[in-house]
PDB file of N, CA and C in Angstrom:
ATOM      1  N   MET A   1      -9.966   1.933  13.521  1.00  0.00           N
ATOM      2  CA  MET A   1      -8.746   2.019  12.972  1.00  0.00           C
ATOM      3  C   MET A   1      -8.393   0.750  12.941  1.00  0.00           C
ATOM      4  N   ARG A   2      -8.145  -0.089  14.044  1.00  0.00           N
ATOM      5  CA  ARG A   2      -7.822  -1.639  13.683  1.00  0.00           C
ATOM      6  C   ARG A   2      -7.998  -1.739  12.668  1.00  0.00           C
ATOM      7  N   GLU A   3      -9.784  -1.913  12.299  1.00  0.00           N
ATOM      8  CA  GLU A   3     -10.340  -2.816  11.149  1.00  0.00           C
ATOM      9  C   GLU A   3      -9.591  -2.284   9.720  1.00  0.00           C
ATOM     10  N   CYS A   4      -9.709  -0.709   9.664  1.00  0.00           N
ATOM     11  CA  CYS A   4      -9.048  -0.322   8.593  1.00  0.00           C
ATOM     12  C   CYS A   4      -7.656  -0.715   8.428  1.00  0.00           C
ATOM     13  N   TYR A   5      -6.876  -0.847   9.118  1.00  0.00           N
ATOM     14  CA  TYR A   5      -5.491  -1.557   9.031  1.00  0.00           C
ATOM     15  C   TYR A   5      -5.301  -3.089   8.646  1.00  0.00           C
ATOM     16  N   GLY A   6      -6.625  -3.948   9.253  1.00  0.00           N
ATOM     17  CA  GLY A   6      -6.123  -5.191   8.734  1.00  0.00           C
ATOM     18  C   GLY A   6      -7.131  -5.245   7.347  1.00  0.00           C
ATOM     19  N   ALA A   7      -8.065  -4.459   6.975  1.00  0.00           N
ATOM     20  CA  ALA A   7      -8.285  -4.069   5.451  1.00  0.00           C
ATOM     21  C   ALA A   7      -7.030  -3.922   4.431  1.00  0.00           C
ATOM     22  N   GLY A   8      -6.676  -2.605   4.713  1.00  0.00           N
ATOM     23  CA  GLY A   8      -5.563  -2.399   4.588  1.00  0.00           C
ATOM     24  C   GLY A   8      -4.364  -3.500   4.039  1.00  0.00           C
ATOM     25  N   LEU A   9      -4.072  -4.510   5.256  1.00  0.00           N
ATOM     26  CA  LEU A   9      -3.099  -5.600   5.133  1.00  0.00           C
ATOM     27  C   LEU A   9      -3.897  -6.373   3.937  1.00  0.00           C
ATOM     28  N   LEU A  10      -5.156  -6.642   4.323  1.00  0.00           N
ATOM     29  CA  LEU A  10      -5.764  -7.719   3.454  1.00  0.00           C
ATOM     30  C   LEU A  10      -5.604  -7.773   2.035  1.00  0.00           C
ATOM     31  N   VAL A  11      -6.118  -6.341   1.576  1.00  0.00           N
ATOM     32  CA  VAL A  11      -6.371  -5.991   0.543  1.00  0.00           C
ATOM     33  C   VAL A  11      -4.762  -5.885  -0.131  1.00  0.00           C
ATOM     34  N   PHE A  12      -3.255  -5.487   0.739  1.00  0.00           N
ATOM     35  CA  PHE A  12      -2.482  -5.803   0.231  1.00  0.00           C
ATOM     36  C   PHE A  12      -1.787  -7.096   0.142  1.00  0.00           C
ATOM     37  N   HIS A  13      -2.055  -8.027   0.617  1.00  0.00           N
ATOM     38  CA  HIS A  13      -1.584  -9.847   0.783  1.00  0.00           C
ATOM     39  C   HIS A  13      -2.741 -10.103  -0.714  1.00  0.00           C
ATOM     40  N   VAL A  14      -3.766  -9.715  -0.657  1.00  0.00           N
ATOM     41  CA  VAL A  14      -4.422 -10.166  -2.293  1.00  0.00           C
ATOM     42  C   VAL A  14      -3.624  -9.877  -3.038  1.00  0.00           C
ATOM     43  N   PHE A  15      -3.451  -8.134  -3.236  1.00  0.00           N
ATOM     44  CA  PHE A  15      -2.779  -8.212  -4.404  1.00  0.00           C
ATOM     45  C   PHE A  15      -1.806  -8.586  -4.763  1.00  0.00           C
ATOM     46  N   CYS A  16      -0.341  -9.083  -3.438  1.00  0.00           N
ATOM     47  CA  CYS A  16       0.152  -9.597  -4.089  1.00  0.00           C
ATOM     48  C   CYS A  16       0.297 -10.892  -4.470  1.00  0.00           C
ATOM     49  N   ASP A  17      -0.684 -12.089  -3.687  1.00  0.00           N
ATOM     50  CA  ASP A  17      -1.157 -12.833  -4.149  1.00  0.00           C
ATOM     51  C   ASP A  17      -1.736 -13.214  -5.512  1.00  0.00           C
ATOM     52  N   GLU A  18      -2.078 -12.445  -6.147  1.00  0.00           N
ATOM     53  CA  GLU A  18      -2.837 -12.241  -7.466  1.00  0.00           C
ATOM     54  C   GLU A  18      -1.670 -12.310  -8.299  1.00  0.00           C
ATOM     55  N   ARG A  19      -0.800 -11.673  -7.775  1.00  0.00           N
ATOM     56  CA  ARG A  19       0.468 -10.938  -8.453  1.00  0.00           C
ATOM     57  C   ARG A  19       2.204 -11.823  -8.301  1.00  0.00           C
ATOM     58  N   ALA A  20       1.552 -13.384  -7.734  1.00  0.00           N
ATOM     59  CA  ALA A  20       2.361 -14.287  -7.299  1.00  0.00           C
ATOM     60  C   ALA A  20       3.810 -13.580  -6.985  1.00  0.00           C
ATOM     61  N   ILE A  21       3.613 -12.504  -6.026  1.00  0.00           N
ATOM     62  CA  ILE A  21       4.955 -11.780  -5.474  1.00  0.00           C
ATOM     63  C   ILE A  21       5.312 -13.038  -3.936  1.00  0.00           C
ATOM     64  N   PRO A  22       6.326 -13.464  -4.364  1.00  0.00           N
ATOM     65  CA  PRO A  22       6.606 -14.102  -3.321  1.00  0.00           C
ATOM     66  C   PRO A  22       6.748 -13.662  -1.388  1.00  0.00           C
ATOM     67  N   GLU A  23       5.774 -14.701  -0.429  1.00  0.00           N
ATOM     68  CA  GLU A  23       5.914 -13.765   0.786  1.00  0.00           C
ATOM     69  C   GLU A  23       7.236 -13.144   1.112  1.00  0.00           C
ATOM     70  N   ASP A  24       8.473 -13.491   0.670  1.00  0.00           N
ATOM     71  CA  ASP A  24      10.002 -12.795   1.422  1.00  0.00           C
ATOM     72  C   ASP A  24       9.710 -11.609   0.677  1.00  0.00           C
ATOM     73  N   GLN A  25       8.322 -11.408  -0.119  1.00  0.00           N
ATOM     74  CA  GLN A  25       8.942  -9.910  -1.164  1.00  0.00           C
ATOM     75  C   GLN A  25       8.426  -8.850  -0.065  1.00  0.00           C
ATOM     76  N   HIS A  26       7.004  -9.797   0.471  1.00  0.00           N
ATOM     77  CA  HIS A  26       5.886  -8.902   1.091  1.00  0.00           C
ATOM     78  C   HIS A  26       6.461  -7.465   2.174  1.00  0.00           C
ATOM     79  N   CYS A  27       7.596  -8.033   2.793  1.00  0.00           N
ATOM     80  CA  CYS A  27       8.067  -7.501   3.691  1.00  0.00           C
ATOM     81  C   CYS A  27       9.573  -7.902   4.263  1.00  0.00           C
ATOM     82  N   PRO A  28      10.435  -7.301   3.945  1.00  0.00           N
ATOM     83  CA  PRO A  28      10.019  -5.447   3.962  1.00  0.00           C
ATOM     84  C   PRO A  28      10.032  -5.436   2.052  1.00  0.00           C
ATOM     85  N   ILE A  29       9.097  -4.663   1.776  1.00  0.00           N
ATOM     86  CA  ILE A  29       8.502  -4.099   0.552  1.00  0.00           C
ATOM     87  C   ILE A  29       9.561  -3.206  -0.304  1.00  0.00           C
ATOM     88  N   ASP A  30       9.366  -3.352  -2.034  1.00  0.00           N
ATOM     89  CA  ASP A  30      10.759  -2.758  -2.497  1.00  0.00           C
ATOM     90  C   ASP A  30       9.630  -1.223  -2.729  1.00  0.00           C
ATOM     91  N   MET A  31       9.816  -0.182  -3.274  1.00  0.00           N
ATOM     92  CA  MET A  31       9.342   0.833  -3.719  1.00  0.00           C
ATOM     93  C   MET A  31       8.474   0.656  -5.027  1.00  0.00           C
ATOM     94  N   HIS A  32       8.805  -0.490  -6.135  1.00  0.00           N
ATOM     95  CA  HIS A  32       8.534  -0.502  -7.255  1.00  0.00           C
ATOM     96  C   HIS A  32       6.811  -1.153  -6.656  1.00  0.00           C
ATOM     97  N   THR A  33       6.974  -2.124  -5.697  1.00  0.00           N
ATOM     98  CA  THR A  33       5.784  -3.265  -5.500  1.00  0.00           C
ATOM     99  C   THR A  33       4.750  -1.974  -4.595  1.00  0.00           C
ATOM    100  N   LEU A  34       5.548  -1.150  -4.035  1.00  0.00           N
ATOM    101  CA  LEU A  34       4.616   0.081  -3.418  1.00  0.00           C
ATOM    102  C   LEU A  34       3.478   0.618  -4.242  1.00  0.00           C
ATOM    103  N   LEU A  35       4.728   1.157  -5.170  1.00  0.00           N
ATOM    104  CA  LEU A  35       4.007   1.844  -5.977  1.00  0.00           C
ATOM    105  C   LEU A  35       2.884   1.506  -7.046  1.00  0.00           C
ATOM    106  N   ASN A  36       3.150   0.040  -7.548  1.00  0.00           N
ATOM    107  CA  ASN A  36       2.216  -1.026  -8.156  1.00  0.00           C
ATOM    108  C   ASN A  36       0.876  -1.369  -7.384  1.00  0.00           C
ATOM    109  N   PHE A  37       1.263  -1.645  -5.945  1.00  0.00           N
ATOM    110  CA  PHE A  37      -0.042  -1.408  -5.038  1.00  0.00           C
ATOM    111  C   PHE A  37      -1.396  -0.038  -5.093  1.00  0.00           C
ATOM    112  N   VAL A  38      -0.259   0.789  -5.108  1.00  0.00           N
ATOM    113  CA  VAL A  38      -1.065   2.278  -5.338  1.00  0.00           C
ATOM    114  C   VAL A  38      -2.083   2.748  -6.416  1.00  0.00           C
ATOM    115  N   ALA A  39      -1.007   2.015  -7.374  1.00  0.00           N
ATOM    116  CA  ALA A  39      -1.200   1.771  -8.555  1.00  0.00           C
ATOM    117  C   ALA A  39      -2.812   0.816  -9.073  1.00  0.00           C
ATOM    118  N   SER A  40      -2.706  -0.059  -8.149  1.00  0.00           N
ATOM    119  CA  SER A  40      -3.785  -1.264  -8.468  1.00  0.00           C
ATOM    120  C   SER A  40      -5.170  -0.607  -7.715  1.00  0.00           C
ATOM    121  N   CYS A  41      -4.700   0.350  -6.825  1.00  0.00           N
ATOM    122  CA  CYS A  41      -5.925   0.175  -5.946  1.00  0.00           C
ATOM    123  C   CYS A  41      -6.697   1.917  -6.417  1.00  0.00           C
ATOM    124  N   ALA A  42      -6.094   2.651  -7.493  1.00  0.00           N
ATOM    125  CA  ALA A  42      -6.634   3.751  -8.087  1.00  0.00           C
ATOM    126  C   ALA A  42      -8.095   3.863  -8.248  1.00  0.00           C
ATOM    127  N   GLY A  43      -8.678   4.394  -7.898  1.00  0.00           N
ATOM    128  CA  GLY A  43     -10.189   4.455  -8.498  1.00  0.00           C
ATOM    129  C   GLY A  43     -10.716   3.582  -7.751  1.00  0.00           C
ATOM    130  N   SER A  44     -10.359   3.052  -6.951  1.00  0.00           N
ATOM    131  CA  SER A  44     -11.535   2.000  -6.405  1.00  0.00           C
ATOM    132  C   SER A  44     -11.598   2.252  -4.686  1.00  0.00           C
ATOM    133  N   TYR A  45     -10.649   3.407  -4.224  1.00  0.00           N
ATOM    134  CA  TYR A  45     -10.654   3.584  -2.877  1.00  0.00           C
ATOM    135  C   TYR A  45     -10.414   5.170  -2.653  1.00  0.00           C
ATOM    136  N   SER A  46     -11.335   5.691  -1.649  1.00  0.00           N
ATOM    137  CA  SER A  46     -10.533   7.459  -1.417  1.00  0.00           C
ATOM    138  C   SER A  46      -9.446   7.692  -0.997  1.00  0.00           C
ATOM    139  N   GLY A  47      -8.718   8.035  -1.165  1.00  0.00           N
ATOM    140  CA  GLY A  47      -8.074   8.826  -0.729  1.00  0.00           C
ATOM    141  C   GLY A  47      -7.510   8.539   0.639  1.00  0.00           C
ATOM    142  N   LYS A  48      -8.241   8.722   1.275  1.00  0.00           N
ATOM    143  CA  LYS A  48      -8.351   8.653   3.060  1.00  0.00           C
ATOM    144  C   LYS A  48      -8.162   6.893   3.298  1.00  0.00           C
ATOM    145  N   MET A  49      -8.825   6.714   2.747  1.00  0.00           N
ATOM    146  CA  MET A  49      -8.836   4.985   2.252  1.00  0.00           C
ATOM    147  C   MET A  49      -7.427   4.577   1.965  1.00  0.00           C
ATOM    148  N   LEU A  50      -6.749   4.654   0.937  1.00  0.00           N
ATOM    149  CA  LEU A  50      -5.351   4.344   0.466  1.00  0.00           C
ATOM    150  C   LEU A  50      -4.402   4.702   1.695  1.00  0.00           C
ATOM    151  N   VAL A  51      -4.339   6.390   2.049  1.00  0.00           N
ATOM    152  CA  VAL A  51      -3.298   6.514   2.707  1.00  0.00           C
ATOM    153  C   VAL A  51      -3.842   5.606   4.122  1.00  0.00           C
ATOM    154  N   ASN A  52      -4.854   4.785   4.347  1.00  0.00           N
ATOM    155  CA  ASN A  52      -4.320   4.506   5.913  1.00  0.00           C
ATOM    156  C   ASN A  52      -3.960   3.581   5.659  1.00  0.00           C
ATOM    157  N   TYR A  53      -4.538   2.186   4.297  1.00  0.00           N
ATOM    158  CA  TYR A  53      -4.047   1.094   3.875  1.00  0.00           C
ATOM    159  C   TYR A  53      -2.386   1.650   3.593  1.00  0.00           C
ATOM    160  N   LEU A  54      -1.308   2.175   3.503  1.00  0.00           N
ATOM    161  CA  LEU A  54      -0.420   2.175   3.388  1.00  0.00           C
ATOM    162  C   LEU A  54       0.512   2.214   4.493  1.00  0.00           C
ATOM    163  N   TYR A  55      -0.741   3.069   5.772  1.00  0.00           N
ATOM    164  CA  TYR A  55       0.161   3.623   6.888  1.00  0.00           C
ATOM    165  C   TYR A  55       0.012   2.350   7.810  1.00  0.00           C
ATOM    166  N   ALA A  56      -1.047   0.974   7.458  1.00  0.00           N
ATOM    167  CA  ALA A  56      -1.226   0.011   7.799  1.00  0.00           C
ATOM    168  C   ALA A  56       0.082  -1.409   7.068  1.00  0.00           C
ATOM    169  N   ILE A  57       0.753  -1.169   5.998  1.00  0.00           N
ATOM    170  CA  ILE A  57       1.988  -1.775   6.072  1.00  0.00           C
ATOM    171  C   ILE A  57       2.867  -1.032   6.479  1.00  0.00           C
ATOM    172  N   LYS A  58       2.959   0.348   6.220  1.00  0.00           N
ATOM    173  CA  LYS A  58       4.397   0.528   7.371  1.00  0.00           C
ATOM    174  C   LYS A  58       4.505  -0.104   8.801  1.00  0.00           C
ATOM    175  N   VAL A  59       3.181   0.202   9.366  1.00  0.00           N
ATOM    176  CA  VAL A  59       3.116  -0.533  10.335  1.00  0.00           C
ATOM    177  C   VAL A  59       3.337  -1.520  10.847  1.00  0.00           C
ATOM    178  N   TRP A  60       2.633  -2.448   9.937  1.00  0.00           N
ATOM    179  CA  TRP A  60       3.108  -3.919  10.071  1.00  0.00           C
ATOM    180  C   TRP A  60       4.792  -3.522   9.489  1.00  0.00           C
ATOM    181  N   HIS A  61       5.702  -3.276   9.216  1.00  0.00           N
ATOM    182  CA  HIS A  61       6.806  -3.292   9.020  1.00  0.00           C
ATOM    183  C   HIS A  61       7.810  -2.985  10.059  1.00  0.00           C
ATOM    184  N   MET A  62       6.929  -2.075  10.568  1.00  0.00           N
ATOM    185  CA  MET A  62       7.520  -1.560  12.229  1.00  0.00           C
ATOM    186  C   MET A  62       7.572  -2.643  13.651  1.00  0.00           C
ATOM    187  N   LEU A  63       6.425  -3.411  13.415  1.00  0.00           N
ATOM    188  CA  LEU A  63       5.906  -3.970  14.423  1.00  0.00           C
ATOM    189  C   LEU A  63       6.891  -5.530  13.893  1.00  0.00           C
ATOM    190  N   TYR A  64       7.401  -5.762  12.638  1.00  0.00           N
ATOM    191  CA  TYR A  64       8.073  -6.902  12.674  1.00  0.00           C
ATOM    192  C   TYR A  64       9.712  -6.769  12.370  1.00  0.00           C
ATOM    193  N   GLY A  65      10.279  -5.153  13.003  1.00  0.00           N
ATOM    194  CA  GLY A  65      11.412  -5.015  12.845  1.00  0.00           C
ATOM    195  C   GLY A  65      11.915  -4.697  11.582  1.00  0.00           C
ATOM    196  N   GLN A  66      10.890  -4.506  10.417  1.00  0.00           N
ATOM    197  CA  GLN A  66      11.657  -4.654   8.735  1.00  0.00           C
ATOM    198  C   GLN A  66      12.042  -2.663   8.416  1.00  0.00           C
ATOM    199  N   PRO A  67      12.758  -3.146   7.662  1.00  0.00           N
ATOM    200  CA  PRO A  67      12.782  -1.287   7.174  1.00  0.00           C
ATOM    201  C   PRO A  67      11.559  -0.682   6.369  1.00  0.00           C
ATOM    202  N   TRP A  68      11.288   0.507   6.074  1.00  0.00           N
ATOM    203  CA  TRP A  68      10.784   1.072   5.371  1.00  0.00           C
ATOM    204  C   TRP A  68      11.150   2.338   4.841  1.00  0.00           C
ATOM    205  N   ILE A  69      12.162   1.305   3.450  1.00  0.00           N
ATOM    206  CA  ILE A  69      12.982   2.313   2.848  1.00  0.00           C
ATOM    207  C   ILE A  69      11.180   2.997   1.760  1.00  0.00           C
ATOM    208  N   VAL A  70      11.450   3.669   1.750  1.00  0.00           N
ATOM    209  CA  VAL A  70      10.374   4.536   0.477  1.00  0.00           C
ATOM    210  C   VAL A  70      10.841   5.722   0.255  1.00  0.00           C
ATOM    211  N   GLN A  71      10.398   6.161  -0.650  1.00  0.00           N
ATOM    212  CA  GLN A  71      10.335   7.448  -1.262  1.00  0.00           C
ATOM    213  C   GLN A  71       9.365   8.629  -1.310  1.00  0.00           C
ATOM    214  N   GLN A  72       9.524   8.985  -0.418  1.00  0.00           N
ATOM    215  CA  GLN A  72       8.378   9.751   0.338  1.00  0.00           C
ATOM    216  C   GLN A  72       7.665  10.509  -1.162  1.00  0.00           C
ATOM    217  N   ASP A  73       8.555  11.219  -1.879  1.00  0.00           N
ATOM    218  CA  ASP A  73       8.084  12.193  -3.178  1.00  0.00           C
ATOM    219  C   ASP A  73       7.395  11.482  -3.451  1.00  0.00           C
ATOM    220  N   GLU A  74       7.941  10.084  -4.064  1.00  0.00           N
ATOM    221  CA  GLU A  74       7.215   9.567  -5.503  1.00  0.00           C
ATOM    222  C   GLU A  74       5.845   8.931  -4.997  1.00  0.00           C
ATOM    223  N   LEU A  75       6.205   8.434  -3.896  1.00  0.00           N
ATOM    224  CA  LEU A  75       4.521   7.965  -3.017  1.00  0.00           C
ATOM    225  C   LEU A  75       3.444   8.893  -2.996  1.00  0.00           C
ATOM    226  N   LYS A  76       4.063  10.244  -2.658  1.00  0.00           N
ATOM    227  CA  LYS A  76       2.802  11.160  -2.951  1.00  0.00           C
ATOM    228  C   LYS A  76       2.792  11.607  -4.160  1.00  0.00           C
ATOM    229  N   ALA A  77       3.296  11.774  -4.998  1.00  0.00           N
ATOM    230  CA  ALA A  77       3.105  11.344  -6.599  1.00  0.00           C
ATOM    231  C   ALA A  77       2.175  10.807  -6.783  1.00  0.00           C
ATOM    232  N   SER A  78       2.170   9.489  -6.503  1.00  0.00           N
ATOM    233  CA  SER A  78       1.263   8.275  -6.516  1.00  0.00           C
ATOM    234  C   SER A  78      -0.129   8.198  -6.201  1.00  0.00           C
ATOM    235  N   LEU A  79      -0.244   8.650  -4.757  1.00  0.00           N
ATOM    236  CA  LEU A  79      -1.156   9.008  -4.010  1.00  0.00           C
ATOM    237  C   LEU A  79      -1.952   9.931  -4.578  1.00  0.00           C
ATOM    238  N   ASP A  80      -1.180  10.883  -5.254  1.00  0.00           N
ATOM    239  CA  ASP A  80      -1.926  12.370  -6.165  1.00  0.00           C
ATOM    240  C   ASP A  80      -2.402  11.731  -6.904  1.00  0.00           C
ATOM    241  N   GLY A  81      -2.456  11.073  -7.910  1.00  0.00           N
ATOM    242  CA  GLY A  81      -2.326  10.279  -8.707  1.00  0.00           C
ATOM    243  C   GLY A  81      -3.444   9.442  -8.788  1.00  0.00           C
ATOM    244  N   ALA A  82      -3.927   8.813  -7.459  1.00  0.00           N
ATOM    245  CA  ALA A  82      -4.948   7.720  -7.171  1.00  0.00           C
ATOM    246  C   ALA A  82      -5.771   8.726  -6.885  1.00  0.00           C
ATOM    247  N   ILE A  83      -5.564   9.679  -6.384  1.00  0.00           N
ATOM    248  CA  ILE A  83      -7.031  10.629  -6.043  1.00  0.00           C
ATOM    249  C   ILE A  83      -7.504  11.124  -6.485  1.00  0.00           C
ATOM    250  N   GLU A  84      -6.601  11.529  -7.523  1.00  0.00           N
ATOM    251  CA  GLU A  84      -7.515  12.376  -8.760  1.00  0.00           C
ATOM    252  C   GLU A  84      -8.531  11.081  -9.328  1.00  0.00           C
ATOM    253  N   LEU A  85      -8.340   9.934  -9.980  1.00  0.00           N
ATOM    254  CA  LEU A  85      -8.220   9.118 -10.714  1.00  0.00           C
ATOM    255  C   LEU A  85      -9.751   8.683  -9.859  1.00  0.00           C
ATOM    256  N   MET A  86     -10.278   9.271  -8.578  1.00  0.00           N
ATOM    257  CA  MET A  86     -11.745   8.670  -8.023  1.00  0.00           C
ATOM    258  C   MET A  86     -13.059   9.181  -8.322  1.00  0.00           C
ATOM    259  N   PRO A  87     -13.722   8.673  -8.384  1.00  0.00           N
ATOM    260  CA  PRO A  87     -14.748   9.195  -9.199  1.00  0.00           C
ATOM    261  C   PRO A  87     -15.665  10.086  -8.441  1.00  0.00           C
ATOM    262  N   VAL A  88     -16.433  10.863  -9.064  1.00  0.00           N
ATOM    263  CA  VAL A  88     -16.887  12.155  -8.373  1.00  0.00           C
ATOM    264  C   VAL A  88     -18.336  11.807  -7.980  1.00  0.00           C
TER     265      VAL A  88
END
């Protein structure tokens, strides 16, 4: 599981770097950035992997005492959409 969490944080940081998102905006994350991250992963990762990546970001916030202010209904809708885009 640690490998998955590490991979999730790496994928997230690469996402942020590619979009020139400043380091201080990685954590705490805002909802817009989180939803854009999920959308960028759509079609590339399984639903289970994407959920694990999101848990990694959440745990990272908890470890550093940062707030996790996420609208669960919006996140779920975004995840559901990303899962639908997975190739069969």
